[in-house]
Amino acid sequence: MYDSDDLMRKHELYTDYQDYFEYLVNAEIERIRKQGEKTIRHDWIIFDTVDEAMDFFNDRCGEFVGYYA
């Protein structure tokens, strides 16, 4: 069983919404998209292996602050 120390989080900020990513050291990444406090999308990104999921989380999730016109 995992505990809260295994959970990794990142986020991306955009003009109209925010994406929150959670990775629990398995082959899945949870993405929650919010506008303010309202959740407007909730996805699971599923990978074949833990290594693929970790690489994706480390390389392509979060910490991006973008502003689109």
N, C-alpha and C. Protein backbone atom coordinates (compact mmCIF):
# COMPACT_ATOMS: atom_id res chain seq x y z
N MET A 1 0.84 -1.18 0.00
CA MET A 1 0.00 0.00 0.00
C MET A 1 0.89 1.25 0.00
N TYR A 2 0.44 2.27 -0.70
CA TYR A 2 1.18 3.52 -0.79
C TYR A 2 0.73 4.47 0.32
N ASP A 3 1.65 5.33 0.72
CA ASP A 3 1.25 6.38 1.65
C ASP A 3 1.46 7.73 0.96
N SER A 4 1.14 8.80 1.65
CA SER A 4 1.19 10.13 1.04
C SER A 4 2.61 10.53 0.61
N ASP A 5 3.64 9.90 1.16
CA ASP A 5 5.00 10.21 0.76
C ASP A 5 5.29 9.73 -0.66
N ASP A 6 4.51 8.77 -1.16
CA ASP A 6 4.70 8.25 -2.51
C ASP A 6 4.03 9.11 -3.58
N LEU A 7 3.14 10.01 -3.19
CA LEU A 7 2.39 10.82 -4.11
C LEU A 7 3.21 12.03 -4.55
N MET A 8 3.32 12.20 -5.87
CA MET A 8 4.01 13.37 -6.42
C MET A 8 2.99 14.22 -7.15
N ARG A 9 3.11 15.54 -7.02
CA ARG A 9 2.16 16.46 -7.64
C ARG A 9 2.90 17.54 -8.42
N LYS A 10 2.27 17.95 -9.52
CA LYS A 10 2.74 19.10 -10.30
C LYS A 10 1.51 19.82 -10.82
N HIS A 11 1.71 21.04 -11.27
CA HIS A 11 0.59 21.78 -11.86
C HIS A 11 1.08 22.68 -12.99
N GLU A 12 0.13 23.03 -13.87
CA GLU A 12 0.38 23.96 -14.96
C GLU A 12 -0.71 25.02 -14.91
N LEU A 13 -0.32 26.26 -15.07
CA LEU A 13 -1.26 27.37 -15.02
C LEU A 13 -1.45 27.96 -16.41
N TYR A 14 -2.70 28.09 -16.81
CA TYR A 14 -3.05 28.71 -18.08
C TYR A 14 -4.02 29.85 -17.81
N THR A 15 -4.30 30.65 -18.81
CA THR A 15 -5.18 31.79 -18.64
C THR A 15 -6.58 31.38 -18.18
N ASP A 16 -7.13 30.33 -18.79
CA ASP A 16 -8.51 29.94 -18.51
C ASP A 16 -8.68 28.77 -17.55
N TYR A 17 -7.62 28.04 -17.25
CA TYR A 17 -7.75 26.86 -16.40
C TYR A 17 -6.39 26.49 -15.81
N GLN A 18 -6.42 25.52 -14.89
CA GLN A 18 -5.21 24.98 -14.29
C GLN A 18 -5.26 23.45 -14.41
N ASP A 19 -4.14 22.83 -14.75
CA ASP A 19 -4.03 21.38 -14.78
C ASP A 19 -3.22 20.93 -13.58
N TYR A 20 -3.74 19.96 -12.85
CA TYR A 20 -3.06 19.37 -11.70
C TYR A 20 -2.77 17.92 -12.03
N PHE A 21 -1.53 17.50 -11.84
CA PHE A 21 -1.11 16.13 -12.12
C PHE A 21 -0.71 15.45 -10.82
N GLU A 22 -1.16 14.21 -10.64
CA GLU A 22 -0.78 13.42 -9.47
C GLU A 22 -0.27 12.07 -9.94
N TYR A 23 0.86 11.68 -9.40
CA TYR A 23 1.51 10.43 -9.78
C TYR A 23 1.81 9.65 -8.52
N LEU A 24 1.29 8.42 -8.43
CA LEU A 24 1.42 7.61 -7.23
C LEU A 24 2.36 6.43 -7.45
N VAL A 25 3.46 6.65 -8.15
CA VAL A 25 4.51 5.65 -8.37
C VAL A 25 3.90 4.33 -8.87
N ASN A 26 3.06 4.44 -9.89
CA ASN A 26 2.54 3.26 -10.59
C ASN A 26 2.49 3.61 -12.06
N ALA A 27 1.69 2.93 -12.86
CA ALA A 27 1.67 3.17 -14.30
C ALA A 27 0.54 4.11 -14.71
N GLU A 28 0.08 4.96 -13.78
CA GLU A 28 -1.01 5.88 -14.07
C GLU A 28 -0.70 7.28 -13.53
N ILE A 29 -1.13 8.28 -14.30
CA ILE A 29 -1.04 9.67 -13.87
C ILE A 29 -2.46 10.24 -13.91
N GLU A 30 -2.86 10.89 -12.85
CA GLU A 30 -4.17 11.51 -12.79
C GLU A 30 -4.03 12.98 -13.16
N ARG A 31 -4.90 13.44 -14.09
CA ARG A 31 -4.91 14.86 -14.45
C ARG A 31 -6.28 15.44 -14.12
N ILE A 32 -6.27 16.53 -13.37
CA ILE A 32 -7.49 17.22 -13.01
C ILE A 32 -7.39 18.64 -13.55
N ARG A 33 -8.36 19.02 -14.38
CA ARG A 33 -8.38 20.37 -14.94
C ARG A 33 -9.47 21.17 -14.23
N LYS A 34 -9.10 22.36 -13.76
CA LYS A 34 -10.04 23.19 -13.00
C LYS A 34 -10.11 24.60 -13.57
N GLN A 35 -11.29 25.19 -13.44
CA GLN A 35 -11.49 26.62 -13.65
C GLN A 35 -11.94 27.15 -12.31
N GLY A 36 -11.07 27.87 -11.66
CA GLY A 36 -11.35 28.29 -10.29
C GLY A 36 -11.42 27.06 -9.41
N GLU A 37 -12.50 26.89 -8.70
CA GLU A 37 -12.69 25.72 -7.83
C GLU A 37 -13.43 24.59 -8.53
N LYS A 38 -13.95 24.84 -9.74
CA LYS A 38 -14.77 23.86 -10.44
C LYS A 38 -13.91 22.92 -11.29
N THR A 39 -14.08 21.61 -11.11
CA THR A 39 -13.40 20.61 -11.94
C THR A 39 -14.14 20.52 -13.26
N ILE A 40 -13.41 20.75 -14.37
CA ILE A 40 -14.05 20.70 -15.69
C ILE A 40 -13.60 19.49 -16.50
N ARG A 41 -12.56 18.80 -16.03
CA ARG A 41 -12.09 17.58 -16.70
C ARG A 41 -11.28 16.76 -15.71
N HIS A 42 -11.42 15.45 -15.80
CA HIS A 42 -10.69 14.55 -14.91
C HIS A 42 -10.30 13.33 -15.73
N ASP A 43 -8.99 13.11 -15.92
CA ASP A 43 -8.50 12.03 -16.76
C ASP A 43 -7.47 11.19 -16.02
N TRP A 44 -7.34 9.96 -16.47
CA TRP A 44 -6.23 9.10 -16.07
C TRP A 44 -5.41 8.81 -17.32
N ILE A 45 -4.12 9.07 -17.27
CA ILE A 45 -3.20 8.74 -18.35
C ILE A 45 -2.55 7.43 -17.93
N ILE A 46 -2.77 6.37 -18.72
CA ILE A 46 -2.31 5.03 -18.35
C ILE A 46 -1.17 4.59 -19.26
N PHE A 47 -0.13 4.04 -18.67
CA PHE A 47 1.08 3.63 -19.37
C PHE A 47 1.27 2.12 -19.23
N ASP A 48 2.11 1.55 -20.09
CA ASP A 48 2.41 0.12 -20.02
C ASP A 48 3.32 -0.23 -18.87
N THR A 49 4.21 0.71 -18.49
CA THR A 49 5.16 0.42 -17.43
C THR A 49 5.29 1.61 -16.48
N VAL A 50 5.78 1.34 -15.29
CA VAL A 50 6.05 2.38 -14.31
C VAL A 50 7.10 3.34 -14.84
N ASP A 51 8.12 2.83 -15.52
CA ASP A 51 9.18 3.69 -16.07
C ASP A 51 8.62 4.69 -17.09
N GLU A 52 7.72 4.23 -17.96
CA GLU A 52 7.11 5.15 -18.92
C GLU A 52 6.32 6.25 -18.22
N ALA A 53 5.58 5.87 -17.21
CA ALA A 53 4.79 6.85 -16.47
C ALA A 53 5.69 7.85 -15.76
N MET A 54 6.74 7.38 -15.13
CA MET A 54 7.65 8.28 -14.42
C MET A 54 8.36 9.23 -15.39
N ASP A 55 8.81 8.71 -16.53
CA ASP A 55 9.46 9.58 -17.52
C ASP A 55 8.50 10.66 -18.00
N PHE A 56 7.26 10.28 -18.30
CA PHE A 56 6.27 11.24 -18.75
C PHE A 56 6.01 12.29 -17.68
N PHE A 57 5.83 11.86 -16.44
CA PHE A 57 5.57 12.79 -15.34
C PHE A 57 6.73 13.76 -15.16
N ASN A 58 7.95 13.25 -15.18
CA ASN A 58 9.12 14.10 -14.96
C ASN A 58 9.40 15.04 -16.13
N ASP A 59 9.15 14.58 -17.36
CA ASP A 59 9.52 15.35 -18.54
C ASP A 59 8.41 16.24 -19.09
N ARG A 60 7.14 15.85 -18.89
CA ARG A 60 6.08 16.54 -19.60
C ARG A 60 4.94 17.06 -18.75
N CYS A 61 5.01 16.88 -17.45
CA CYS A 61 3.92 17.35 -16.58
C CYS A 61 4.39 18.48 -15.69
N GLY A 62 3.56 19.48 -15.61
CA GLY A 62 3.68 20.46 -14.56
C GLY A 62 4.77 21.50 -14.69
N GLU A 63 4.63 22.44 -13.79
CA GLU A 63 5.56 23.55 -13.61
C GLU A 63 5.61 24.47 -14.82
N PHE A 64 4.69 24.31 -15.77
CA PHE A 64 4.61 25.19 -16.93
C PHE A 64 3.59 26.28 -16.64
N VAL A 65 3.98 27.50 -16.89
CA VAL A 65 3.04 28.61 -16.77
C VAL A 65 2.87 29.18 -18.16
N GLY A 66 1.71 28.95 -18.76
CA GLY A 66 1.46 29.39 -20.13
C GLY A 66 0.33 30.38 -20.20
N TYR A 67 0.42 31.26 -21.13
CA TYR A 67 -0.63 32.23 -21.34
C TYR A 67 -0.95 32.23 -22.81
N TYR A 68 -2.17 31.83 -23.15
CA TYR A 68 -2.60 31.78 -24.54
C TYR A 68 -3.61 32.89 -24.82
N ALA A 69 -3.49 33.48 -25.99
CA ALA A 69 -4.42 34.55 -26.36
C ALA A 69 -5.62 33.99 -27.07
